[in-house]
Amino acid sequence: MDEKVDRLREDVVMFNRRIRAQRAGHLLTPSQLQALAHLDREGPMSARALADLEQVAPQSIARTVSMLEDAGMVSRTVDPQDARASIVAITAPGLQTLAADRSRRNEWLSAALATECTDAERDLLFIAGRLLRRLAATPEPAPQRESLMNS
């Protein structure tokens, strides 16, 4: 089982790298694109909420948001609940960049599915995609305390 799990992890990493390589002529990093995608799907939110979605430190998301703001991809407004915080929202240029990026990646994936997979394989991949999304939402297990249990 360990070998199969290791192979699956490697396969997912290889696929992720390949699809990330399909860029739409912009200079945004994968982290910046992911932040834009979250803002598009979830709507305006605090930088803290965005950091939580991205599973990164607030300092890291602050740099990402700052670079996106400098590029005109997002805007910031004062959070009405907390004047010290800001609400981040995707802008029209951010939406256009994200749409072009999604389109390019979808074109590549559609072509790859059409040329490399049978109908049955495509159906399996769509099912696998839903399973991978479900697995991604699984919380991390609590650390095992074998040393305490064996004491």
N, C-alpha and C. Protein backbone atom coordinates (compact mmCIF):
# COMPACT_ATOMS: atom_id res chain seq x y z
N MET A 1 0.83 -1.21 0.00
CA MET A 1 0.00 0.00 0.00
C MET A 1 0.87 1.26 0.00
N ASP A 2 1.97 1.25 0.77
CA ASP A 2 2.83 2.43 0.84
C ASP A 2 3.38 2.81 -0.53
N GLU A 3 3.74 1.81 -1.34
CA GLU A 3 4.25 2.10 -2.68
C GLU A 3 3.18 2.73 -3.56
N LYS A 4 1.95 2.24 -3.44
CA LYS A 4 0.85 2.79 -4.23
C LYS A 4 0.55 4.23 -3.81
N VAL A 5 0.57 4.48 -2.52
CA VAL A 5 0.33 5.83 -2.00
C VAL A 5 1.44 6.77 -2.47
N ASP A 6 2.68 6.31 -2.40
CA ASP A 6 3.81 7.11 -2.85
C ASP A 6 3.67 7.44 -4.34
N ARG A 7 3.30 6.45 -5.13
CA ARG A 7 3.15 6.65 -6.57
C ARG A 7 2.01 7.64 -6.87
N LEU A 8 0.89 7.50 -6.16
CA LEU A 8 -0.23 8.43 -6.35
C LEU A 8 0.20 9.85 -6.03
N ARG A 9 0.91 10.04 -4.91
CA ARG A 9 1.39 11.37 -4.55
C ARG A 9 2.28 11.93 -5.64
N GLU A 10 3.21 11.12 -6.15
CA GLU A 10 4.10 11.58 -7.22
C GLU A 10 3.32 11.91 -8.49
N ASP A 11 2.31 11.09 -8.82
CA ASP A 11 1.49 11.34 -10.01
C ASP A 11 0.75 12.67 -9.89
N VAL A 12 0.19 12.93 -8.71
CA VAL A 12 -0.54 14.19 -8.49
C VAL A 12 0.42 15.37 -8.60
N VAL A 13 1.61 15.25 -8.03
CA VAL A 13 2.60 16.33 -8.11
C VAL A 13 3.00 16.59 -9.56
N MET A 14 3.25 15.51 -10.32
CA MET A 14 3.64 15.67 -11.72
C MET A 14 2.54 16.35 -12.53
N PHE A 15 1.29 15.93 -12.31
CA PHE A 15 0.16 16.54 -13.01
C PHE A 15 0.04 18.02 -12.63
N ASN A 16 0.15 18.30 -11.34
CA ASN A 16 0.05 19.68 -10.87
C ASN A 16 1.12 20.56 -11.52
N ARG A 17 2.33 20.07 -11.61
CA ARG A 17 3.42 20.84 -12.24
C ARG A 17 3.12 21.08 -13.71
N ARG A 18 2.61 20.06 -14.36
CA ARG A 18 2.33 20.18 -15.80
C ARG A 18 1.22 21.19 -16.06
N ILE A 19 0.15 21.13 -15.29
CA ILE A 19 -0.95 22.06 -15.54
C ILE A 19 -0.57 23.48 -15.12
N ARG A 20 0.27 23.61 -14.11
CA ARG A 20 0.74 24.96 -13.71
C ARG A 20 1.64 25.57 -14.77
N ALA A 21 2.28 24.73 -15.57
CA ALA A 21 3.16 25.23 -16.63
C ALA A 21 2.37 25.87 -17.77
N GLN A 22 1.07 25.60 -17.84
CA GLN A 22 0.22 26.16 -18.88
C GLN A 22 -0.20 27.56 -18.47
N ARG A 23 0.60 28.52 -18.80
CA ARG A 23 0.35 29.90 -18.38
C ARG A 23 -0.20 30.71 -19.53
N ALA A 24 -0.91 31.74 -19.20
CA ALA A 24 -1.57 32.57 -20.21
C ALA A 24 -0.79 33.86 -20.50
N GLY A 25 0.52 33.81 -20.47
CA GLY A 25 1.32 34.97 -20.84
C GLY A 25 1.47 36.04 -19.77
N HIS A 26 1.10 35.74 -18.54
CA HIS A 26 1.26 36.71 -17.46
C HIS A 26 2.48 36.32 -16.63
N LEU A 27 2.82 37.15 -15.69
CA LEU A 27 3.99 36.88 -14.85
C LEU A 27 3.60 36.56 -13.42
N LEU A 28 2.36 36.22 -13.17
CA LEU A 28 1.91 35.92 -11.82
C LEU A 28 2.43 34.57 -11.36
N THR A 29 2.70 34.47 -10.07
CA THR A 29 3.15 33.21 -9.49
C THR A 29 1.94 32.32 -9.21
N PRO A 30 2.17 31.03 -9.02
CA PRO A 30 1.05 30.15 -8.64
C PRO A 30 0.32 30.64 -7.38
N SER A 31 1.05 31.16 -6.40
CA SER A 31 0.42 31.67 -5.18
C SER A 31 -0.47 32.87 -5.47
N GLN A 32 -0.02 33.75 -6.33
CA GLN A 32 -0.82 34.91 -6.69
C GLN A 32 -2.08 34.49 -7.44
N LEU A 33 -1.94 33.54 -8.35
CA LEU A 33 -3.11 33.05 -9.08
C LEU A 33 -4.11 32.38 -8.15
N GLN A 34 -3.61 31.61 -7.20
CA GLN A 34 -4.48 30.93 -6.26
C GLN A 34 -5.22 31.95 -5.39
N ALA A 35 -4.54 32.99 -4.98
CA ALA A 35 -5.19 34.04 -4.18
C ALA A 35 -6.31 34.70 -5.00
N LEU A 36 -6.03 35.00 -6.27
CA LEU A 36 -7.07 35.57 -7.13
C LEU A 36 -8.26 34.62 -7.27
N ALA A 37 -7.96 33.33 -7.42
CA ALA A 37 -9.03 32.33 -7.57
C ALA A 37 -9.90 32.28 -6.32
N HIS A 38 -9.29 32.34 -5.14
CA HIS A 38 -10.06 32.35 -3.89
C HIS A 38 -10.96 33.58 -3.83
N LEU A 39 -10.40 34.74 -4.19
CA LEU A 39 -11.19 35.97 -4.15
C LEU A 39 -12.33 35.92 -5.16
N ASP A 40 -12.09 35.30 -6.30
CA ASP A 40 -13.14 35.16 -7.31
C ASP A 40 -14.26 34.24 -6.81
N ARG A 41 -13.89 33.11 -6.23
CA ARG A 41 -14.89 32.13 -5.77
C ARG A 41 -15.61 32.58 -4.51
N GLU A 42 -14.87 33.13 -3.55
CA GLU A 42 -15.42 33.42 -2.22
C GLU A 42 -15.86 34.87 -2.05
N GLY A 43 -15.39 35.75 -2.92
CA GLY A 43 -15.74 37.17 -2.80
C GLY A 43 -14.73 37.91 -1.92
N PRO A 44 -14.93 39.22 -1.74
CA PRO A 44 -14.00 40.01 -0.94
C PRO A 44 -13.87 39.44 0.48
N MET A 45 -12.68 39.53 1.02
CA MET A 45 -12.42 39.01 2.37
C MET A 45 -11.21 39.69 2.97
N SER A 46 -11.05 39.49 4.26
CA SER A 46 -9.88 40.04 4.94
C SER A 46 -8.63 39.28 4.51
N ALA A 47 -7.51 39.93 4.67
CA ALA A 47 -6.24 39.27 4.35
C ALA A 47 -6.05 38.05 5.25
N ARG A 48 -6.52 38.13 6.48
CA ARG A 48 -6.42 37.00 7.43
C ARG A 48 -7.21 35.80 6.91
N ALA A 49 -8.43 36.05 6.43
CA ALA A 49 -9.26 34.96 5.89
C ALA A 49 -8.60 34.37 4.64
N LEU A 50 -8.01 35.22 3.82
CA LEU A 50 -7.31 34.74 2.63
C LEU A 50 -6.11 33.90 3.02
N ALA A 51 -5.37 34.33 4.02
CA ALA A 51 -4.22 33.54 4.51
C ALA A 51 -4.69 32.18 5.01
N ASP A 52 -5.81 32.16 5.71
CA ASP A 52 -6.35 30.88 6.21
C ASP A 52 -6.72 29.97 5.05
N LEU A 53 -7.37 30.51 4.02
CA LEU A 53 -7.73 29.69 2.85
C LEU A 53 -6.50 29.15 2.14
N GLU A 54 -5.49 29.99 2.06
CA GLU A 54 -4.24 29.62 1.39
C GLU A 54 -3.36 28.73 2.26
N GLN A 55 -3.68 28.68 3.54
CA GLN A 55 -2.88 27.93 4.51
C GLN A 55 -1.44 28.43 4.55
N VAL A 56 -1.33 29.76 4.62
CA VAL A 56 -0.03 30.40 4.72
C VAL A 56 -0.05 31.41 5.86
N ALA A 57 1.12 31.87 6.24
CA ALA A 57 1.25 32.87 7.30
C ALA A 57 0.70 34.22 6.81
N PRO A 58 0.14 35.01 7.73
CA PRO A 58 -0.36 36.34 7.34
C PRO A 58 0.70 37.20 6.64
N GLN A 59 1.96 37.08 7.06
CA GLN A 59 3.03 37.86 6.42
C GLN A 59 3.20 37.46 4.96
N SER A 60 3.04 36.19 4.68
CA SER A 60 3.17 35.69 3.32
C SER A 60 2.05 36.22 2.44
N ILE A 61 0.82 36.17 2.94
CA ILE A 61 -0.30 36.66 2.15
C ILE A 61 -0.23 38.17 2.00
N ALA A 62 0.34 38.86 2.98
CA ALA A 62 0.50 40.32 2.88
C ALA A 62 1.38 40.67 1.69
N ARG A 63 2.47 39.92 1.50
CA ARG A 63 3.35 40.15 0.34
C ARG A 63 2.60 39.86 -0.97
N THR A 64 1.87 38.75 -0.99
CA THR A 64 1.12 38.37 -2.19
C THR A 64 0.10 39.45 -2.53
N VAL A 65 -0.68 39.88 -1.54
CA VAL A 65 -1.71 40.91 -1.78
C VAL A 65 -1.06 42.22 -2.22
N SER A 66 0.05 42.57 -1.62
CA SER A 66 0.74 43.81 -1.98
C SER A 66 1.18 43.78 -3.44
N MET A 67 1.74 42.66 -3.88
CA MET A 67 2.18 42.55 -5.27
C MET A 67 0.98 42.57 -6.22
N LEU A 68 -0.11 41.90 -5.84
CA LEU A 68 -1.31 41.91 -6.67
C LEU A 68 -1.92 43.31 -6.73
N GLU A 69 -1.88 44.02 -5.62
CA GLU A 69 -2.41 45.38 -5.60
C GLU A 69 -1.55 46.29 -6.49
N ASP A 70 -0.23 46.15 -6.41
CA ASP A 70 0.66 46.94 -7.26
C ASP A 70 0.40 46.68 -8.74
N ALA A 71 0.00 45.45 -9.06
CA ALA A 71 -0.28 45.07 -10.46
C ALA A 71 -1.71 45.41 -10.87
N GLY A 72 -2.51 45.97 -9.94
CA GLY A 72 -3.88 46.34 -10.25
C GLY A 72 -4.85 45.16 -10.28
N MET A 73 -4.43 44.02 -9.74
CA MET A 73 -5.27 42.81 -9.77
C MET A 73 -6.26 42.74 -8.61
N VAL A 74 -5.94 43.42 -7.51
CA VAL A 74 -6.83 43.46 -6.35
C VAL A 74 -6.88 44.88 -5.82
N SER A 75 -7.91 45.14 -5.04
CA SER A 75 -8.01 46.42 -4.34
C SER A 75 -8.20 46.13 -2.86
N ARG A 76 -7.84 47.10 -2.04
CA ARG A 76 -8.04 46.97 -0.59
C ARG A 76 -8.86 48.15 -0.10
N THR A 77 -9.78 47.83 0.81
CA THR A 77 -10.57 48.87 1.48
C THR A 77 -10.53 48.58 2.97
N VAL A 78 -10.82 49.60 3.75
CA VAL A 78 -10.80 49.43 5.20
C VAL A 78 -11.93 48.50 5.62
N ASP A 79 -11.63 47.59 6.49
CA ASP A 79 -12.62 46.65 7.02
C ASP A 79 -13.54 47.42 7.96
N PRO A 80 -14.85 47.44 7.68
CA PRO A 80 -15.76 48.19 8.56
C PRO A 80 -15.84 47.61 9.97
N GLN A 81 -15.49 46.34 10.14
CA GLN A 81 -15.51 45.69 11.45
C GLN A 81 -14.24 45.96 12.26
N ASP A 82 -13.13 46.27 11.54
CA ASP A 82 -11.84 46.46 12.20
C ASP A 82 -11.02 47.43 11.37
N ALA A 83 -10.95 48.66 11.80
CA ALA A 83 -10.26 49.71 11.02
C ALA A 83 -8.78 49.42 10.81
N ARG A 84 -8.21 48.52 11.60
CA ARG A 84 -6.79 48.17 11.42
C ARG A 84 -6.59 47.18 10.27
N ALA A 85 -7.66 46.51 9.86
CA ALA A 85 -7.57 45.49 8.82
C ALA A 85 -8.16 46.02 7.51
N SER A 86 -7.92 45.28 6.45
CA SER A 86 -8.48 45.67 5.16
C SER A 86 -9.20 44.49 4.53
N ILE A 87 -10.11 44.82 3.64
CA ILE A 87 -10.84 43.83 2.86
C ILE A 87 -10.21 43.84 1.47
N VAL A 88 -9.88 42.64 0.99
CA VAL A 88 -9.24 42.50 -0.31
C VAL A 88 -10.29 42.00 -1.31
N ALA A 89 -10.32 42.62 -2.49
CA ALA A 89 -11.26 42.23 -3.53
C ALA A 89 -10.54 42.15 -4.88
N ILE A 90 -10.97 41.23 -5.71
CA ILE A 90 -10.39 41.12 -7.05
C ILE A 90 -10.95 42.24 -7.91
N THR A 91 -10.13 42.80 -8.79
CA THR A 91 -10.53 43.88 -9.69
C THR A 91 -10.84 43.30 -11.07
N ALA A 92 -11.35 44.16 -11.95
CA ALA A 92 -11.64 43.73 -13.33
C ALA A 92 -10.39 43.19 -14.02
N PRO A 93 -9.23 43.88 -13.93
CA PRO A 93 -8.03 43.30 -14.54
C PRO A 93 -7.64 41.96 -13.91
N GLY A 94 -7.86 41.82 -12.61
CA GLY A 94 -7.58 40.53 -11.95
C GLY A 94 -8.47 39.44 -12.49
N LEU A 95 -9.75 39.75 -12.66
CA LEU A 95 -10.70 38.78 -13.23
C LEU A 95 -10.32 38.40 -14.65
N GLN A 96 -9.89 39.38 -15.45
CA GLN A 96 -9.49 39.10 -16.83
C GLN A 96 -8.26 38.20 -16.87
N THR A 97 -7.30 38.49 -16.02
CA THR A 97 -6.09 37.68 -15.97
C THR A 97 -6.41 36.26 -15.53
N LEU A 98 -7.23 36.14 -14.51
CA LEU A 98 -7.63 34.83 -14.01
C LEU A 98 -8.41 34.05 -15.07
N ALA A 99 -9.32 34.71 -15.77
CA ALA A 99 -10.10 34.05 -16.82
C ALA A 99 -9.20 33.56 -17.95
N ALA A 100 -8.23 34.39 -18.35
CA ALA A 100 -7.30 33.98 -19.41
C ALA A 100 -6.46 32.79 -18.96
N ASP A 101 -6.03 32.81 -17.70
CA ASP A 101 -5.23 31.71 -17.18
C ASP A 101 -6.05 30.42 -17.12
N ARG A 102 -7.27 30.51 -16.61
CA ARG A 102 -8.14 29.33 -16.54
C ARG A 102 -8.42 28.79 -17.94
N SER A 103 -8.66 29.69 -18.88
CA SER A 103 -8.96 29.29 -20.24
C SER A 103 -7.79 28.52 -20.85
N ARG A 104 -6.58 29.03 -20.67
CA ARG A 104 -5.39 28.37 -21.22
C ARG A 104 -5.21 26.98 -20.61
N ARG A 105 -5.35 26.88 -19.30
CA ARG A 105 -5.20 25.58 -18.64
C ARG A 105 -6.31 24.62 -19.05
N ASN A 106 -7.54 25.13 -19.19
CA ASN A 106 -8.65 24.29 -19.62
C ASN A 106 -8.47 23.81 -21.05
N GLU A 107 -7.95 24.68 -21.92
CA GLU A 107 -7.68 24.26 -23.31
C GLU A 107 -6.68 23.12 -23.33
N TRP A 108 -5.59 23.26 -22.57
CA TRP A 108 -4.59 22.20 -22.53
C TRP A 108 -5.20 20.91 -22.00
N LEU A 109 -5.92 21.00 -20.88
CA LEU A 109 -6.49 19.80 -20.27
C LEU A 109 -7.52 19.15 -21.17
N SER A 110 -8.37 19.93 -21.80
CA SER A 110 -9.36 19.38 -22.72
C SER A 110 -8.69 18.64 -23.87
N ALA A 111 -7.66 19.25 -24.44
CA ALA A 111 -6.95 18.61 -25.54
C ALA A 111 -6.26 17.33 -25.08
N ALA A 112 -5.63 17.38 -23.91
CA ALA A 112 -4.96 16.19 -23.39
C ALA A 112 -5.96 15.06 -23.12
N LEU A 113 -7.09 15.41 -22.53
CA LEU A 113 -8.12 14.40 -22.26
C LEU A 113 -8.65 13.80 -23.56
N ALA A 114 -8.84 14.64 -24.57
CA ALA A 114 -9.39 14.17 -25.85
C ALA A 114 -8.42 13.25 -26.58
N THR A 115 -7.13 13.57 -26.51
CA THR A 115 -6.16 12.78 -27.28
C THR A 115 -5.59 11.59 -26.51
N GLU A 116 -5.53 11.68 -25.20
CA GLU A 116 -4.85 10.65 -24.41
C GLU A 116 -5.76 9.68 -23.69
N CYS A 117 -7.06 9.99 -23.58
CA CYS A 117 -7.95 9.18 -22.75
C CYS A 117 -9.16 8.67 -23.52
N THR A 118 -9.60 7.50 -23.13
CA THR A 118 -10.86 6.97 -23.64
C THR A 118 -12.00 7.64 -22.87
N ASP A 119 -13.22 7.44 -23.34
CA ASP A 119 -14.38 7.98 -22.63
C ASP A 119 -14.42 7.47 -21.20
N ALA A 120 -14.16 6.19 -21.02
CA ALA A 120 -14.19 5.58 -19.68
C ALA A 120 -13.09 6.17 -18.79
N GLU A 121 -11.90 6.40 -19.36
CA GLU A 121 -10.81 6.99 -18.58
C GLU A 121 -11.15 8.43 -18.17
N ARG A 122 -11.76 9.18 -19.08
CA ARG A 122 -12.17 10.55 -18.74
C ARG A 122 -13.17 10.53 -17.60
N ASP A 123 -14.15 9.61 -17.67
CA ASP A 123 -15.13 9.51 -16.59
C ASP A 123 -14.44 9.18 -15.26
N LEU A 124 -13.46 8.27 -15.29
CA LEU A 124 -12.72 7.93 -14.08
C LEU A 124 -11.95 9.13 -13.53
N LEU A 125 -11.37 9.91 -14.43
CA LEU A 125 -10.63 11.09 -13.98
C LEU A 125 -11.55 12.12 -13.35
N PHE A 126 -12.74 12.29 -13.89
CA PHE A 126 -13.69 13.23 -13.30
C PHE A 126 -14.12 12.76 -11.90
N ILE A 127 -14.30 11.46 -11.76
CA ILE A 127 -14.61 10.90 -10.43
C ILE A 127 -13.41 11.09 -9.50
N ALA A 128 -12.21 10.81 -10.00
CA ALA A 128 -11.00 10.97 -9.19
C ALA A 128 -10.83 12.42 -8.75
N GLY A 129 -11.17 13.36 -9.62
CA GLY A 129 -11.09 14.78 -9.26
C GLY A 129 -11.97 15.10 -8.07
N ARG A 130 -13.20 14.57 -8.07
CA ARG A 130 -14.09 14.81 -6.93
C ARG A 130 -13.54 14.16 -5.66
N LEU A 131 -12.94 12.98 -5.80
CA LEU A 131 -12.34 12.30 -4.64
C LEU A 131 -11.15 13.09 -4.12
N LEU A 132 -10.32 13.61 -5.01
CA LEU A 132 -9.16 14.40 -4.58
C LEU A 132 -9.61 15.67 -3.86
N ARG A 133 -10.68 16.30 -4.35
CA ARG A 133 -11.20 17.50 -3.67
C ARG A 133 -11.66 17.13 -2.26
N ARG A 134 -12.34 15.99 -2.14
CA ARG A 134 -12.81 15.54 -0.83
C ARG A 134 -11.63 15.26 0.10
N LEU A 135 -10.60 14.61 -0.44
CA LEU A 135 -9.41 14.33 0.38
C LEU A 135 -8.72 15.62 0.81
N ALA A 136 -8.71 16.61 -0.07
CA ALA A 136 -8.06 17.88 0.26
C ALA A 136 -8.76 18.58 1.42
N ALA A 137 -10.04 18.30 1.60
CA ALA A 137 -10.80 18.93 2.69
C ALA A 137 -10.69 18.16 4.00
N THR A 138 -10.01 17.02 3.97
CA THR A 138 -9.87 16.20 5.17
C THR A 138 -8.91 16.87 6.14
N PRO A 139 -9.32 17.04 7.40
CA PRO A 139 -8.41 17.66 8.37
C PRO A 139 -7.20 16.75 8.63
N GLU A 140 -6.12 17.39 9.00
CA GLU A 140 -4.91 16.62 9.33
C GLU A 140 -5.15 15.84 10.61
N PRO A 141 -4.64 14.61 10.66
CA PRO A 141 -4.82 13.83 11.89
C PRO A 141 -3.99 14.43 13.03
N ALA A 142 -4.49 14.24 14.22
CA ALA A 142 -3.75 14.71 15.40
C ALA A 142 -2.44 13.93 15.49
N PRO A 143 -1.37 14.56 15.94
CA PRO A 143 -0.10 13.85 16.06
C PRO A 143 -0.24 12.70 17.03
N GLN A 144 0.33 11.57 16.65
CA GLN A 144 0.29 10.41 17.53
C GLN A 144 1.31 10.56 18.62
N ARG A 145 0.94 10.14 19.79
CA ARG A 145 1.84 10.30 20.95
C ARG A 145 2.28 8.91 21.42
N GLU A 146 2.98 8.22 20.54
CA GLU A 146 3.41 6.87 20.87
C GLU A 146 4.33 6.85 22.08
N SER A 147 5.20 7.84 22.14
CA SER A 147 6.14 7.83 23.28
C SER A 147 5.42 7.97 24.60
N LEU A 148 4.34 8.76 24.63
CA LEU A 148 3.57 8.90 25.87
C LEU A 148 2.77 7.64 26.17
N MET A 149 2.28 7.02 25.12
CA MET A 149 1.46 5.83 25.30
C MET A 149 2.29 4.64 25.75
N ASN A 150 3.56 4.61 25.33
CA ASN A 150 4.44 3.49 25.68
C ASN A 150 5.10 3.68 27.03
N SER A 151 4.94 4.85 27.63
CA SER A 151 5.60 5.13 28.91
C SER A 151 4.90 4.44 30.05
